[in-house]
Amino acid sequence: MATNRTVKNYFPGSTMDIVIDLATSHGGYFEFEICQRNSFDIIESEQCFTKLKFVDGSYRKSIPHDHSAEGLKTMSLMMPEDLRECRACVLRWNYHAGNNWGKCPDGTTGMGCGPQELYRNCADISIGYQMDRTPDRLPVRTRKLRQRWATYGDRVKRNSDSGKAL
């Protein structure tokens, strides 16, 4: 459900680190898109979304179809340099799974070919816009989530330093 709460401001051309907790790998690939809006009153359409590049210049990240892809995955995206101000951008994550058997474009059949599942999630962000929110003035739920993730991140780091699994 959309809450129309901008969670973070980015600057044109800056990088955005994304962390995804992949419980089960279905193969396939990740893509990220952005829809430029300057008001929450504007409803985004499919035509509004444009693909974002990863820092390596690609538009998608392949996910292996095995257990090595499971767990926390960090990747970095580039914010468009030509997008100077966007007060109510929608960041959309697409996970195109690749675990169904189907017909491939070359006429053969195989895993990851044909119709596949699509998982999506969105977040409201801003670009080049000065948000009037300091960490103390963020909604309580946002502060609690940030505190919980900070604690989780510390726990992951401590356990990885000691060689213990979570």
C-alpha atoms as a PDB file:
ATOM      1  CA  MET A   1       0.000   0.000   0.000  1.00  0.00           C
ATOM      2  CA  ALA A   2       1.378   3.407  -0.950  1.00  0.00           C
ATOM      3  CA  THR A   3       2.002   5.763   1.962  1.00  0.00           C
ATOM      4  CA  ASN A   4       3.361   8.739  -0.024  1.00  0.00           C
ATOM      5  CA  ARG A   5       6.265   9.184   2.389  1.00  0.00           C
ATOM      6  CA  THR A   6       9.558  10.148   0.830  1.00  0.00           C
ATOM      7  CA  VAL A   7      12.147   7.931   2.499  1.00  0.00           C
ATOM      8  CA  LYS A   8      15.350   9.483   1.160  1.00  0.00           C
ATOM      9  CA  ASN A   9      16.721  12.283  -1.008  1.00  0.00           C
ATOM     10  CA  TYR A  10      19.429  11.663  -3.605  1.00  0.00           C
ATOM     11  CA  PHE A  11      21.405  14.023  -5.783  1.00  0.00           C
ATOM     12  CA  PRO A  12      21.611  13.870  -9.584  1.00  0.00           C
ATOM     13  CA  GLY A  13      24.404  11.484 -10.615  1.00  0.00           C
ATOM     14  CA  SER A  14      24.835  10.076  -7.094  1.00  0.00           C
ATOM     15  CA  THR A  15      24.887   6.370  -6.262  1.00  0.00           C
ATOM     16  CA  MET A  16      22.243   4.513  -4.306  1.00  0.00           C
ATOM     17  CA  ASP A  17      23.132   1.357  -2.395  1.00  0.00           C
ATOM     18  CA  ILE A  18      20.327  -1.209  -2.437  1.00  0.00           C
ATOM     19  CA  VAL A  19      20.173  -4.183  -0.059  1.00  0.00           C
ATOM     20  CA  ILE A  20      17.864  -7.069  -0.926  1.00  0.00           C
ATOM     21  CA  ASP A  21      17.255 -10.018   1.368  1.00  0.00           C
ATOM     22  CA  LEU A  22      16.617 -12.859  -1.062  1.00  0.00           C
ATOM     23  CA  ALA A  23      15.015 -15.711   0.875  1.00  0.00           C
ATOM     24  CA  THR A  24      14.942 -18.136  -2.064  1.00  0.00           C
ATOM     25  CA  SER A  25      16.649 -17.816  -5.424  1.00  0.00           C
ATOM     26  CA  HIS A  26      14.453 -18.354  -8.440  1.00  0.00           C
ATOM     27  CA  GLY A  27      17.220 -17.415 -10.872  1.00  0.00           C
ATOM     28  CA  GLY A  28      16.367 -14.631 -13.293  1.00  0.00           C
ATOM     29  CA  TYR A  29      17.428 -11.018 -12.837  1.00  0.00           C
ATOM     30  CA  PHE A  30      16.840  -7.732 -11.002  1.00  0.00           C
ATOM     31  CA  GLU A  31      16.012  -4.412 -12.656  1.00  0.00           C
ATOM     32  CA  PHE A  32      15.321  -1.004 -11.132  1.00  0.00           C
ATOM     33  CA  GLU A  33      13.251   1.792 -12.626  1.00  0.00           C
ATOM     34  CA  ILE A  34      12.317   5.316 -11.686  1.00  0.00           C
ATOM     35  CA  CYS A  35       9.199   7.364 -12.372  1.00  0.00           C
ATOM     36  CA  GLN A  36       9.620  11.122 -12.210  1.00  0.00           C
ATOM     37  CA  ARG A  37       6.756  12.906 -10.455  1.00  0.00           C
ATOM     38  CA  ASN A  38       6.740  16.167  -8.562  1.00  0.00           C
ATOM     39  CA  SER A  39       3.510  15.513  -6.691  1.00  0.00           C
ATOM     40  CA  PHE A  40       1.976  12.553  -4.896  1.00  0.00           C
ATOM     41  CA  ASP A  41      -1.289  13.471  -6.645  1.00  0.00           C
ATOM     42  CA  ILE A  42       0.140  12.212  -9.953  1.00  0.00           C
ATOM     43  CA  ILE A  43      -0.519   8.501 -10.458  1.00  0.00           C
ATOM     44  CA  GLU A  44       2.417   6.751 -12.093  1.00  0.00           C
ATOM     45  CA  SER A  45       1.847   4.820 -15.323  1.00  0.00           C
ATOM     46  CA  GLU A  46       3.950   2.139 -16.978  1.00  0.00           C
ATOM     47  CA  GLN A  47       5.110   4.715 -19.558  1.00  0.00           C
ATOM     48  CA  CYS A  48       6.477   6.888 -16.738  1.00  0.00           C
ATOM     49  CA  PHE A  49       9.139   4.371 -15.654  1.00  0.00           C
ATOM     50  CA  THR A  50      12.660   4.451 -17.080  1.00  0.00           C
ATOM     51  CA  LYS A  51      15.378   1.924 -16.271  1.00  0.00           C
ATOM     52  CA  LEU A  52      18.221   2.813 -13.930  1.00  0.00           C
ATOM     53  CA  LYS A  53      21.814   1.740 -14.520  1.00  0.00           C
ATOM     54  CA  PHE A  54      23.929  -0.151 -12.065  1.00  0.00           C
ATOM     55  CA  VAL A  55      27.347   1.389 -11.390  1.00  0.00           C
ATOM     56  CA  ASP A  56      28.901  -1.085 -13.870  1.00  0.00           C
ATOM     57  CA  GLY A  57      26.729   0.415 -16.644  1.00  0.00           C
ATOM     58  CA  SER A  58      24.349  -2.548 -16.974  1.00  0.00           C
ATOM     59  CA  TYR A  59      20.567  -2.363 -16.618  1.00  0.00           C
ATOM     60  CA  ARG A  60      20.073  -5.754 -14.969  1.00  0.00           C
ATOM     61  CA  LYS A  61      21.757  -8.082 -12.500  1.00  0.00           C
ATOM     62  CA  SER A  62      21.514 -11.801 -13.139  1.00  0.00           C
ATOM     63  CA  ILE A  63      20.693 -14.045 -10.207  1.00  0.00           C
ATOM     64  CA  PRO A  64      22.095 -17.597 -10.172  1.00  0.00           C
ATOM     65  CA  HIS A  65      19.550 -20.362  -9.729  1.00  0.00           C
ATOM     66  CA  ASP A  66      21.175 -21.872  -6.648  1.00  0.00           C
ATOM     67  CA  HIS A  67      21.609 -21.263  -2.917  1.00  0.00           C
ATOM     68  CA  SER A  68      24.639 -18.981  -3.438  1.00  0.00           C
ATOM     69  CA  ALA A  69      22.248 -16.171  -4.421  1.00  0.00           C
ATOM     70  CA  GLU A  70      20.269 -16.346  -1.180  1.00  0.00           C
ATOM     71  CA  GLY A  71      20.694 -13.908   1.698  1.00  0.00           C
ATOM     72  CA  LEU A  72      21.555 -10.220   1.781  1.00  0.00           C
ATOM     73  CA  LYS A  73      22.661  -8.826  -1.580  1.00  0.00           C
ATOM     74  CA  THR A  74      24.044  -5.296  -1.926  1.00  0.00           C
ATOM     75  CA  MET A  75      24.176  -3.526  -5.265  1.00  0.00           C
ATOM     76  CA  SER A  76      24.714   0.079  -6.325  1.00  0.00           C
ATOM     77  CA  LEU A  77      22.612   2.108  -8.759  1.00  0.00           C
ATOM     78  CA  MET A  78      23.349   5.420 -10.448  1.00  0.00           C
ATOM     79  CA  MET A  79      20.818   8.224 -10.173  1.00  0.00           C
ATOM     80  CA  PRO A  80      20.307   9.912 -13.557  1.00  0.00           C
ATOM     81  CA  GLU A  81      22.457  13.048 -13.941  1.00  0.00           C
ATOM     82  CA  ASP A  82      19.822  14.741 -16.086  1.00  0.00           C
ATOM     83  CA  LEU A  83      17.099  14.308 -13.464  1.00  0.00           C
ATOM     84  CA  ARG A  84      17.643  17.564 -11.566  1.00  0.00           C
ATOM     85  CA  GLU A  85      14.591  17.704  -9.329  1.00  0.00           C
ATOM     86  CA  CYS A  86      11.981  15.144  -8.504  1.00  0.00           C
ATOM     87  CA  ARG A  87       9.977  15.667  -5.321  1.00  0.00           C
ATOM     88  CA  ALA A  88       7.957  12.456  -5.442  1.00  0.00           C
ATOM     89  CA  CYS A  89       9.867   9.932  -7.562  1.00  0.00           C
ATOM     90  CA  VAL A  90       8.856   6.286  -7.451  1.00  0.00           C
ATOM     91  CA  LEU A  91      11.733   3.803  -7.317  1.00  0.00           C
ATOM     92  CA  ARG A  92      10.586   0.386  -8.535  1.00  0.00           C
ATOM     93  CA  TRP A  93      12.398  -2.926  -8.105  1.00  0.00           C
ATOM     94  CA  ASN A  94      11.554  -5.743 -10.536  1.00  0.00           C
ATOM     95  CA  TYR A  95      12.629  -9.308  -9.890  1.00  0.00           C
ATOM     96  CA  HIS A  96      12.056 -11.343 -13.058  1.00  0.00           C
ATOM     97  CA  ALA A  97      12.288 -14.947 -11.846  1.00  0.00           C
ATOM     98  CA  GLY A  98      13.742 -17.631 -14.081  1.00  0.00           C
ATOM     99  CA  ASN A  99      12.606 -20.893 -12.531  1.00  0.00           C
ATOM    100  CA  ASN A 100       9.861 -21.984 -14.937  1.00  0.00           C
ATOM    101  CA  TRP A 101      10.343 -24.263 -17.914  1.00  0.00           C
ATOM    102  CA  GLY A 102       9.213 -22.917 -21.268  1.00  0.00           C
ATOM    103  CA  LYS A 103       9.919 -22.233 -24.923  1.00  0.00           C
ATOM    104  CA  CYS A 104      13.060 -20.156 -25.662  1.00  0.00           C
ATOM    105  CA  PRO A 105      13.331 -17.565 -28.483  1.00  0.00           C
ATOM    106  CA  ASP A 106      15.526 -19.965 -30.513  1.00  0.00           C
ATOM    107  CA  GLY A 107      12.769 -22.621 -30.527  1.00  0.00           C
ATOM    108  CA  THR A 108      14.289 -24.892 -27.888  1.00  0.00           C
ATOM    109  CA  THR A 109      12.850 -25.361 -24.397  1.00  0.00           C
ATOM    110  CA  GLY A 110      14.570 -24.753 -21.092  1.00  0.00           C
ATOM    111  CA  MET A 111      14.588 -23.363 -17.574  1.00  0.00           C
ATOM    112  CA  GLY A 112      13.961 -19.619 -17.501  1.00  0.00           C
ATOM    113  CA  CYS A 113      12.329 -19.515 -20.933  1.00  0.00           C
ATOM    114  CA  GLY A 114       8.733 -18.579 -21.636  1.00  0.00           C
ATOM    115  CA  PRO A 115       6.453 -16.787 -19.156  1.00  0.00           C
ATOM    116  CA  GLN A 116       8.046 -16.210 -15.733  1.00  0.00           C
ATOM    117  CA  GLU A 117       6.978 -14.776 -12.377  1.00  0.00           C
ATOM    118  CA  LEU A 118       7.545 -11.082 -11.687  1.00  0.00           C
ATOM    119  CA  TYR A 119       7.996  -9.697  -8.160  1.00  0.00           C
ATOM    120  CA  ARG A 120       7.853  -5.931  -7.542  1.00  0.00           C
ATOM    121  CA  ASN A 121       8.321  -3.421  -4.777  1.00  0.00           C
ATOM    122  CA  CYS A 122       8.349   0.389  -4.754  1.00  0.00           C
ATOM    123  CA  ALA A 123       9.640   3.250  -2.610  1.00  0.00           C
ATOM    124  CA  ASP A 124       9.019   6.990  -2.707  1.00  0.00           C
ATOM    125  CA  ILE A 125      12.271   8.958  -3.029  1.00  0.00           C
ATOM    126  CA  SER A 126      13.277  12.455  -4.068  1.00  0.00           C
ATOM    127  CA  ILE A 127      16.150  13.655  -6.225  1.00  0.00           C
ATOM    128  CA  GLY A 128      17.768  17.055  -5.922  1.00  0.00           C
ATOM    129  CA  TYR A 129      15.095  18.225  -3.518  1.00  0.00           C
ATOM    130  CA  GLN A 130      15.785  19.455  -0.006  1.00  0.00           C
ATOM    131  CA  MET A 131      13.456  17.497   2.235  1.00  0.00           C
ATOM    132  CA  ASP A 132      12.299  19.304   5.337  1.00  0.00           C
ATOM    133  CA  ARG A 133      12.994  16.358   7.600  1.00  0.00           C
ATOM    134  CA  THR A 134      15.802  15.771   9.992  1.00  0.00           C
ATOM    135  CA  PRO A 135      16.210  12.287  11.538  1.00  0.00           C
ATOM    136  CA  ASP A 136      14.484  13.532  14.697  1.00  0.00           C
ATOM    137  CA  ARG A 137      11.455  14.695  12.686  1.00  0.00           C
ATOM    138  CA  LEU A 138      10.972  11.517  10.649  1.00  0.00           C
ATOM    139  CA  PRO A 139       7.797   9.538  11.316  1.00  0.00           C
ATOM    140  CA  VAL A 140       8.199   7.232  14.334  1.00  0.00           C
ATOM    141  CA  ARG A 141       7.832   4.105  12.162  1.00  0.00           C
ATOM    142  CA  THR A 142      10.685   5.255   9.888  1.00  0.00           C
ATOM    143  CA  ARG A 143      12.955   6.001  12.868  1.00  0.00           C
ATOM    144  CA  LYS A 144      12.238   2.575  14.355  1.00  0.00           C
ATOM    145  CA  LEU A 145      12.941   0.812  11.047  1.00  0.00           C
ATOM    146  CA  ARG A 146      16.242   2.687  10.670  1.00  0.00           C
ATOM    147  CA  GLN A 147      17.212   1.786  14.245  1.00  0.00           C
ATOM    148  CA  ARG A 148      16.286  -1.858  13.703  1.00  0.00           C
ATOM    149  CA  TRP A 149      18.303  -2.050  10.447  1.00  0.00           C
ATOM    150  CA  ALA A 150      21.267  -0.303  12.090  1.00  0.00           C
ATOM    151  CA  THR A 151      21.184  -2.880  14.896  1.00  0.00           C
ATOM    152  CA  TYR A 152      20.848  -5.724  12.371  1.00  0.00           C
ATOM    153  CA  GLY A 153      23.755  -4.343  10.331  1.00  0.00           C
ATOM    154  CA  ASP A 154      25.940  -4.159  13.459  1.00  0.00           C
ATOM    155  CA  ARG A 155      25.022  -7.745  14.328  1.00  0.00           C
ATOM    156  CA  VAL A 156      25.890  -8.951  10.796  1.00  0.00           C
ATOM    157  CA  LYS A 157      29.246  -7.135  10.933  1.00  0.00           C
ATOM    158  CA  ARG A 158      30.110  -8.472  14.417  1.00  0.00           C
ATOM    159  CA  ASN A 159      29.247 -12.035  13.384  1.00  0.00           C
ATOM    160  CA  SER A 160      31.134 -11.779  10.075  1.00  0.00           C
ATOM    161  CA  ASP A 161      34.203 -10.417  11.935  1.00  0.00           C
ATOM    162  CA  SER A 162      34.110 -13.356  14.338  1.00  0.00           C
ATOM    163  CA  GLY A 163      33.403 -15.913  11.613  1.00  0.00           C
ATOM    164  CA  LYS A 164      30.119 -17.009  13.226  1.00  0.00           C
ATOM    165  CA  ALA A 165      26.975 -17.535  11.195  1.00  0.00           C
ATOM    166  CA  LEU A 166      23.818 -15.692  12.239  1.00  0.00           C
END
